[in-house]
C-alpha atoms as a PDB file:
ATOM      1  CA  MET A   1     128.874  78.969 110.937  1.00  0.00           C
ATOM      2  CA  ASP A   2     127.853  78.632 107.288  1.00  0.00           C
ATOM      3  CA  GLU A   3     125.144  81.253 107.850  1.00  0.00           C
ATOM      4  CA  LEU A   4     127.709  83.714 109.229  1.00  0.00           C
ATOM      5  CA  PHE A   5     129.973  83.260 106.211  1.00  0.00           C
ATOM      6  CA  SER A   6     127.028  83.414 103.805  1.00  0.00           C
ATOM      7  CA  ASN A   7     125.848  86.740 105.258  1.00  0.00           C
ATOM      8  CA  LEU A   8     129.389  88.098 105.247  1.00  0.00           C
ATOM      9  CA  GLU A   9     129.855  87.078 101.607  1.00  0.00           C
ATOM     10  CA  SER A  10     126.556  88.774 100.719  1.00  0.00           C
ATOM     11  CA  TYR A  11     127.923  92.009 102.122  1.00  0.00           C
ATOM     12  CA  LEU A  12     131.283  91.602 100.404  1.00  0.00           C
ATOM     13  CA  ASP A  13     129.760  90.838  96.998  1.00  0.00           C
ATOM     14  CA  GLY A  14     127.435  93.853  97.244  1.00  0.00           C
ATOM     15  CA  SER A  15     124.138  91.980  97.498  1.00  0.00           C
ATOM     16  CA  ALA A  16     123.692  93.277 101.074  1.00  0.00           C
ATOM     17  CA  SER A  17     124.702  96.571 102.652  1.00  0.00           C
ATOM     18  CA  LEU A  18     127.034  96.977 105.605  1.00  0.00           C
ATOM     19  CA  ASP A  19     124.009  97.975 107.702  1.00  0.00           C
ATOM     20  CA  ASP A  20     122.218  94.761 106.637  1.00  0.00           C
ATOM     21  CA  PHE A  21     125.223  92.675 107.659  1.00  0.00           C
ATOM     22  CA  LYS A  22     125.599  94.527 110.955  1.00  0.00           C
ATOM     23  CA  ASP A  23     121.888  93.998 111.755  1.00  0.00           C
ATOM     24  CA  TYR A  24     122.294  90.256 111.175  1.00  0.00           C
ATOM     25  CA  PHE A  25     125.657  90.119 112.925  1.00  0.00           C
ATOM     26  CA  TYR A  26     124.726  91.999 116.098  1.00  0.00           C
ATOM     27  CA  ASP A  27     121.600  89.848 116.490  1.00  0.00           C
ATOM     28  CA  LEU A  28     123.861  86.779 116.226  1.00  0.00           C
ATOM     29  CA  ALA A  29     126.564  88.213 118.494  1.00  0.00           C
ATOM     30  CA  TYR A  30     124.286  89.292 121.333  1.00  0.00           C
ATOM     31  CA  GLY A  31     124.945  86.812 124.147  1.00  0.00           C
ATOM     32  CA  ILE A  32     126.484  84.225 121.821  1.00  0.00           C
ATOM     33  CA  GLY A  33     128.822  82.978 124.552  1.00  0.00           C
ATOM     34  CA  ARG A  34     125.802  81.883 126.602  1.00  0.00           C
ATOM     35  CA  ARG A  35     123.961  80.255 123.703  1.00  0.00           C
ATOM     36  CA  ARG A  36     126.726  78.550 121.709  1.00  0.00           C
ATOM     37  CA  ALA A  37     130.245  77.225 122.006  1.00  0.00           C
ATOM     38  CA  GLY A  38     133.139  76.480 119.719  1.00  0.00           C
ATOM     39  CA  ASP A  39     134.524  78.119 116.612  1.00  0.00           C
ATOM     40  CA  ILE A  40     131.453  80.261 115.928  1.00  0.00           C
ATOM     41  CA  VAL A  41     131.983  82.123 119.218  1.00  0.00           C
ATOM     42  CA  VAL A  42     135.644  82.746 118.383  1.00  0.00           C
ATOM     43  CA  ARG A  43     134.803  83.974 114.861  1.00  0.00           C
ATOM     44  CA  VAL A  44     132.063  86.293 116.149  1.00  0.00           C
ATOM     45  CA  HIS A  45     134.462  87.824 118.669  1.00  0.00           C
ATOM     46  CA  GLU A  46     137.045  88.315 115.915  1.00  0.00           C
ATOM     47  CA  ILE A  47     134.519  90.178 113.750  1.00  0.00           C
ATOM     48  CA  GLU A  48     133.505  92.267 116.776  1.00  0.00           C
ATOM     49  CA  ARG A  49     137.194  93.173 117.211  1.00  0.00           C
ATOM     50  CA  ILE A  50     137.414  94.158 113.526  1.00  0.00           C
ATOM     51  CA  PHE A  51     134.370  96.438 113.857  1.00  0.00           C
ATOM     52  CA  SER A  52     135.757  97.916 117.057  1.00  0.00           C
ATOM     53  CA  GLU A  53     139.128  98.686 115.462  1.00  0.00           C
ATOM     54  CA  ALA A  54     137.412 100.091 112.387  1.00  0.00           C
ATOM     55  CA  SER A  55     135.309 102.410 114.511  1.00  0.00           C
ATOM     56  CA  SER A  56     138.107 103.667 116.730  1.00  0.00           C
ATOM     57  CA  ALA A  57     140.519 104.161 113.810  1.00  0.00           C
ATOM     58  CA  ASN A  58     137.885 105.672 111.471  1.00  0.00           C
ATOM     59  CA  TRP A  59     138.478 103.107 108.723  1.00  0.00           C
ATOM     60  CA  THR A  60     136.762 103.616 105.392  1.00  0.00           C
ATOM     61  CA  GLU A  61     134.186 101.056 104.389  1.00  0.00           C
ATOM     62  CA  ARG A  62     136.635  99.834 101.735  1.00  0.00           C
ATOM     63  CA  ALA A  63     139.223  99.146 104.463  1.00  0.00           C
ATOM     64  CA  VAL A  64     136.611  97.224 106.471  1.00  0.00           C
ATOM     65  CA  GLN A  65     135.788  95.182 103.366  1.00  0.00           C
ATOM     66  CA  ARG A  66     139.467  94.313 102.803  1.00  0.00           C
ATOM     67  CA  VAL A  67     139.914  93.133 106.381  1.00  0.00           C
ATOM     68  CA  LEU A  68     136.671  91.123 106.314  1.00  0.00           C
ATOM     69  CA  LYS A  69     137.693  89.575 102.985  1.00  0.00           C
ATOM     70  CA  ASN A  70     141.006  88.508 104.540  1.00  0.00           C
ATOM     71  CA  PHE A  71     139.055  87.119 107.497  1.00  0.00           C
ATOM     72  CA  ILE A  72     136.791  85.052 105.274  1.00  0.00           C
ATOM     73  CA  ASP A  73     139.740  83.798 103.205  1.00  0.00           C
ATOM     74  CA  ALA A  74     141.509  82.682 106.373  1.00  0.00           C
ATOM     75  CA  TYR A  75     138.616  80.952 108.116  1.00  0.00           C
ATOM     76  CA  LYS A  76     135.988  79.822 105.644  1.00  0.00           C
ATOM     77  CA  PRO A  77     136.082  76.063 105.235  1.00  0.00           C
ATOM     78  CA  ALA A  78     137.280  74.932 101.819  1.00  0.00           C
ATOM     79  CA  PRO A  79     134.651  73.287  99.635  1.00  0.00           C
ATOM     80  CA  HIS A  80     134.717  69.541  99.307  1.00  0.00           C
ATOM     81  CA  ILE A  81     136.163  68.484  95.978  1.00  0.00           C
ATOM     82  CA  TRP A  82     135.600  65.000  94.645  1.00  0.00           C
ATOM     83  CA  LYS A  83     137.672  63.323  91.969  1.00  0.00           C
ATOM     84  CA  ILE A  84     135.798  60.804  89.835  1.00  0.00           C
ATOM     85  CA  GLU A  85     136.228  59.056  86.530  1.00  0.00           C
ATOM     86  CA  LEU A  86     133.628  59.128  83.799  1.00  0.00           C
ATOM     87  CA  ASP A  87     134.277  57.097  80.666  1.00  0.00           C
ATOM     88  CA  ALA A  88     137.905  56.743  81.802  1.00  0.00           C
ATOM     89  CA  ARG A  89     138.323  60.542  82.020  1.00  0.00           C
ATOM     90  CA  PRO A  90     139.195  62.025  85.420  1.00  0.00           C
ATOM     91  CA  LEU A  91     136.875  64.838  86.522  1.00  0.00           C
ATOM     92  CA  LEU A  92     136.737  67.114  89.549  1.00  0.00           C
ATOM     93  CA  ILE A  93     133.367  67.953  91.105  1.00  0.00           C
ATOM     94  CA  VAL A  94     133.411  71.280  92.949  1.00  0.00           C
ATOM     95  CA  PRO A  95     130.224  72.405  94.729  1.00  0.00           C
ATOM     96  CA  THR A  96     129.657  76.153  95.055  1.00  0.00           C
ATOM     97  CA  PRO A  97     126.761  77.970  96.746  1.00  0.00           C
ATOM     98  CA  GLN A  98     125.058  78.495  93.374  1.00  0.00           C
ATOM     99  CA  MET A  99     125.876  75.284  91.475  1.00  0.00           C
ATOM    100  CA  VAL A 100     128.053  72.237  91.104  1.00  0.00           C
ATOM    101  CA  VAL A 101     130.983  72.680  88.739  1.00  0.00           C
ATOM    102  CA  VAL A 102     132.471  69.671  86.966  1.00  0.00           C
ATOM    103  CA  VAL A 103     135.887  70.240  85.421  1.00  0.00           C
ATOM    104  CA  PRO A 104     138.406  67.971  83.702  1.00  0.00           C
ATOM    105  CA  SER A 105     141.127  66.854  86.073  1.00  0.00           C
ATOM    106  CA  ILE A 106     144.731  67.234  85.023  1.00  0.00           C
END
């Protein structure tokens, strides 16, 4: 499911076009119920529903982006955050796709 969210984020942050995301997505979605099970199938069907509603209601691309952003906010797993101490100072370690961020803990 990480790949699905990664491709969706690439579209939402502008590093991929809607057509690029749809190419990836429809390849993934084709017959997914026969190949996979679990949450990924449910999420794919939800995105299919979003695209279907967008098409039938003539949504703008901006409207599609807003709905997909809400989708990702609702379903993307939260990153793991670790709390450690270094030289008696509490720190939080937060991994992101690009780097690991270490911040002072309050």
